[in-house]
C-alpha atoms as a PDB file:
ATOM      1  CA  MET A   1     313.802  39.664 168.529  1.00  0.00           C
ATOM      2  CA  ALA A   2     312.959  35.996 168.071  1.00  0.00           C
ATOM      3  CA  SER A   3     311.894  33.799 170.951  1.00  0.00           C
ATOM      4  CA  SER A   4     314.514  31.541 172.464  1.00  0.00           C
ATOM      5  CA  ARG A   5     314.305  27.772 172.256  1.00  0.00           C
ATOM      6  CA  GLU A   6     314.769  27.691 176.045  1.00  0.00           C
ATOM      7  CA  TYR A   7     311.661  29.829 176.636  1.00  0.00           C
ATOM      8  CA  HIS A   8     309.685  27.702 174.162  1.00  0.00           C
ATOM      9  CA  ASP A   9     310.748  24.526 175.970  1.00  0.00           C
ATOM     10  CA  PHE A  10     309.843  26.080 179.347  1.00  0.00           C
ATOM     11  CA  ILE A  11     306.331  26.965 178.126  1.00  0.00           C
ATOM     12  CA  MET A  12     305.819  23.577 176.469  1.00  0.00           C
ATOM     13  CA  ASP A  13     306.968  21.796 179.647  1.00  0.00           C
ATOM     14  CA  SER A  14     304.469  23.874 181.630  1.00  0.00           C
ATOM     15  CA  LEU A  15     301.706  22.890 179.197  1.00  0.00           C
ATOM     16  CA  SER A  16     302.728  19.241 178.878  1.00  0.00           C
ATOM     17  CA  SER A  17     299.613  17.941 180.664  1.00  0.00           C
ATOM     18  CA  LEU A  18     297.360  19.750 178.158  1.00  0.00           C
ATOM     19  CA  GLU A  19     296.822  18.915 174.495  1.00  0.00           C
ATOM     20  CA  VAL A  20     299.129  21.693 173.275  1.00  0.00           C
ATOM     21  CA  SER A  21     301.543  21.478 170.366  1.00  0.00           C
ATOM     22  CA  SER A  22     303.726  24.072 168.689  1.00  0.00           C
ATOM     23  CA  ARG A  23     305.127  24.930 165.308  1.00  0.00           C
ATOM     24  CA  LYS A  24     308.094  27.181 164.663  1.00  0.00           C
ATOM     25  CA  MET A  25     307.329  30.003 162.290  1.00  0.00           C
ATOM     26  CA  MET A  26     309.731  32.836 161.397  1.00  0.00           C
ATOM     27  CA  GLY A  27     311.634  32.668 164.698  1.00  0.00           C
ATOM     28  CA  GLU A  28     308.487  32.521 166.801  1.00  0.00           C
ATOM     29  CA  TYR A  29     306.129  29.681 167.752  1.00  0.00           C
ATOM     30  CA  VAL A  30     302.446  29.153 166.994  1.00  0.00           C
ATOM     31  CA  LEU A  31     300.617  27.154 169.681  1.00  0.00           C
ATOM     32  CA  TYR A  32     297.751  24.765 168.994  1.00  0.00           C
ATOM     33  CA  TYR A  33     295.226  23.410 171.487  1.00  0.00           C
ATOM     34  CA  ARG A  34     293.520  20.242 170.270  1.00  0.00           C
ATOM     35  CA  GLY A  35     294.369  21.219 166.698  1.00  0.00           C
ATOM     36  CA  LYS A  36     293.213  24.852 166.788  1.00  0.00           C
ATOM     37  CA  VAL A  37     295.489  27.910 166.947  1.00  0.00           C
ATOM     38  CA  ILE A  38     295.247  29.225 170.507  1.00  0.00           C
ATOM     39  CA  GLY A  39     298.105  31.730 170.454  1.00  0.00           C
ATOM     40  CA  GLY A  40     301.849  31.685 170.359  1.00  0.00           C
ATOM     41  CA  ILE A  41     305.208  32.582 171.795  1.00  0.00           C
ATOM     42  CA  TYR A  42     306.425  35.961 170.562  1.00  0.00           C
ATOM     43  CA  ASP A  43     309.535  37.750 171.854  1.00  0.00           C
ATOM     44  CA  ASN A  44     309.637  35.330 174.800  1.00  0.00           C
ATOM     45  CA  ARG A  45     306.037  36.126 175.780  1.00  0.00           C
ATOM     46  CA  PHE A  46     303.210  33.591 175.973  1.00  0.00           C
ATOM     47  CA  LEU A  47     300.238  35.157 174.168  1.00  0.00           C
ATOM     48  CA  VAL A  48     296.735  33.919 173.375  1.00  0.00           C
ATOM     49  CA  LYS A  49     294.238  35.200 170.838  1.00  0.00           C
ATOM     50  CA  SER A  50     292.181  38.180 171.939  1.00  0.00           C
ATOM     51  CA  ILE A  51     288.725  36.680 171.607  1.00  0.00           C
ATOM     52  CA  ASP A  52     285.697  37.390 173.808  1.00  0.00           C
ATOM     53  CA  SER A  53     285.920  34.152 175.779  1.00  0.00           C
ATOM     54  CA  ALA A  54     289.592  34.760 176.642  1.00  0.00           C
ATOM     55  CA  VAL A  55     289.038  38.395 177.629  1.00  0.00           C
ATOM     56  CA  SER A  56     286.149  37.463 179.917  1.00  0.00           C
ATOM     57  CA  HIS A  57     288.118  34.598 181.477  1.00  0.00           C
ATOM     58  CA  MET A  58     291.248  36.620 182.299  1.00  0.00           C
ATOM     59  CA  GLN A  59     291.360  39.333 184.978  1.00  0.00           C
ATOM     60  CA  ASP A  60     293.292  42.565 184.351  1.00  0.00           C
ATOM     61  CA  VAL A  61     294.695  41.225 181.103  1.00  0.00           C
ATOM     62  CA  LEU A  62     297.496  43.007 179.271  1.00  0.00           C
ATOM     63  CA  LYS A  63     296.865  43.429 175.526  1.00  0.00           C
ATOM     64  CA  VAL A  64     300.010  43.492 173.403  1.00  0.00           C
ATOM     65  CA  ILE A  65     300.975  43.523 169.738  1.00  0.00           C
ATOM     66  CA  PRO A  66     303.111  40.416 169.026  1.00  0.00           C
ATOM     67  CA  TYR A  67     304.766  41.936 165.932  1.00  0.00           C
ATOM     68  CA  LYS A  68     304.270  44.898 163.627  1.00  0.00           C
ATOM     69  CA  GLY A  69     301.003  44.681 161.729  1.00  0.00           C
ATOM     70  CA  ALA A  70     299.496  41.928 163.910  1.00  0.00           C
ATOM     71  CA  LYS A  71     296.249  41.994 165.857  1.00  0.00           C
ATOM     72  CA  GLU A  72     296.354  42.506 169.608  1.00  0.00           C
ATOM     73  CA  MET A  73     296.830  39.418 171.726  1.00  0.00           C
ATOM     74  CA  LEU A  74     296.530  38.741 175.455  1.00  0.00           C
ATOM     75  CA  GLU A  75     299.638  38.129 177.534  1.00  0.00           C
ATOM     76  CA  VAL A  76     299.389  35.132 179.864  1.00  0.00           C
ATOM     77  CA  GLU A  77     301.444  35.691 182.985  1.00  0.00           C
ATOM     78  CA  ASN A  78     300.309  32.914 185.331  1.00  0.00           C
ATOM     79  CA  ILE A  79     301.698  30.011 183.318  1.00  0.00           C
ATOM     80  CA  ASP A  80     302.252  27.938 186.454  1.00  0.00           C
ATOM     81  CA  ASP A  81     298.506  27.584 187.085  1.00  0.00           C
ATOM     82  CA  ILE A  82     297.609  24.575 184.926  1.00  0.00           C
ATOM     83  CA  GLN A  83     293.973  24.554 186.100  1.00  0.00           C
ATOM     84  CA  PHE A  84     293.593  28.198 184.999  1.00  0.00           C
ATOM     85  CA  LEU A  85     295.187  27.438 181.616  1.00  0.00           C
ATOM     86  CA  TYR A  86     292.987  24.393 181.075  1.00  0.00           C
ATOM     87  CA  GLU A  87     289.859  26.425 181.871  1.00  0.00           C
ATOM     88  CA  LEU A  88     291.068  29.278 179.638  1.00  0.00           C
ATOM     89  CA  PHE A  89     291.769  26.989 176.685  1.00  0.00           C
ATOM     90  CA  GLU A  90     288.467  25.147 177.121  1.00  0.00           C
ATOM     91  CA  ALA A  91     286.586  28.460 177.276  1.00  0.00           C
ATOM     92  CA  MET A  92     288.304  29.594 174.067  1.00  0.00           C
ATOM     93  CA  TYR A  93     288.061  26.338 172.117  1.00  0.00           C
ATOM     94  CA  ASP A  94     284.555  26.641 170.635  1.00  0.00           C
ATOM     95  CA  GLU A  95     285.145  30.260 169.615  1.00  0.00           C
ATOM     96  CA  LEU A  96     288.365  29.454 167.743  1.00  0.00           C
ATOM     97  CA  PRO A  97     288.110  28.864 163.989  1.00  0.00           C
ATOM     98  CA  GLU A  98     288.538  25.355 162.640  1.00  0.00           C
ATOM     99  CA  ILE A  99     291.838  24.535 160.965  1.00  0.00           C
ATOM    100  CA  ARG A 100     291.486  24.665 157.208  1.00  0.00           C
ATOM    101  CA  LYS A 101     292.400  21.440 155.474  1.00  0.00           C
ATOM    102  CA  LYS A 102     295.012  21.693 152.731  1.00  0.00           C
ATOM    103  CA  ARG A 103     293.801  20.633 149.328  1.00  0.00           C
END
């Protein structure tokens, strides 16, 4: 099941005060924070990468598989708490890999 445009718009509106952008990819959406992949929207769920900084920042986190063959990701449920999201993204930022430049 692909994510709906309405859910994407809802998430992006919630994140509008942060430096988050998105890119549609195969019916789902990849999310970028200050140019680095932070997570995505999969099956109308807001997920972030399962990296140490994210796991330690989130309490009682639910790990889910976004699609068959993918690595586990963390489901973000409190999307209304912008301060929490900002702190989460900032905690994750240095641990995220740099975007590779196209040649």
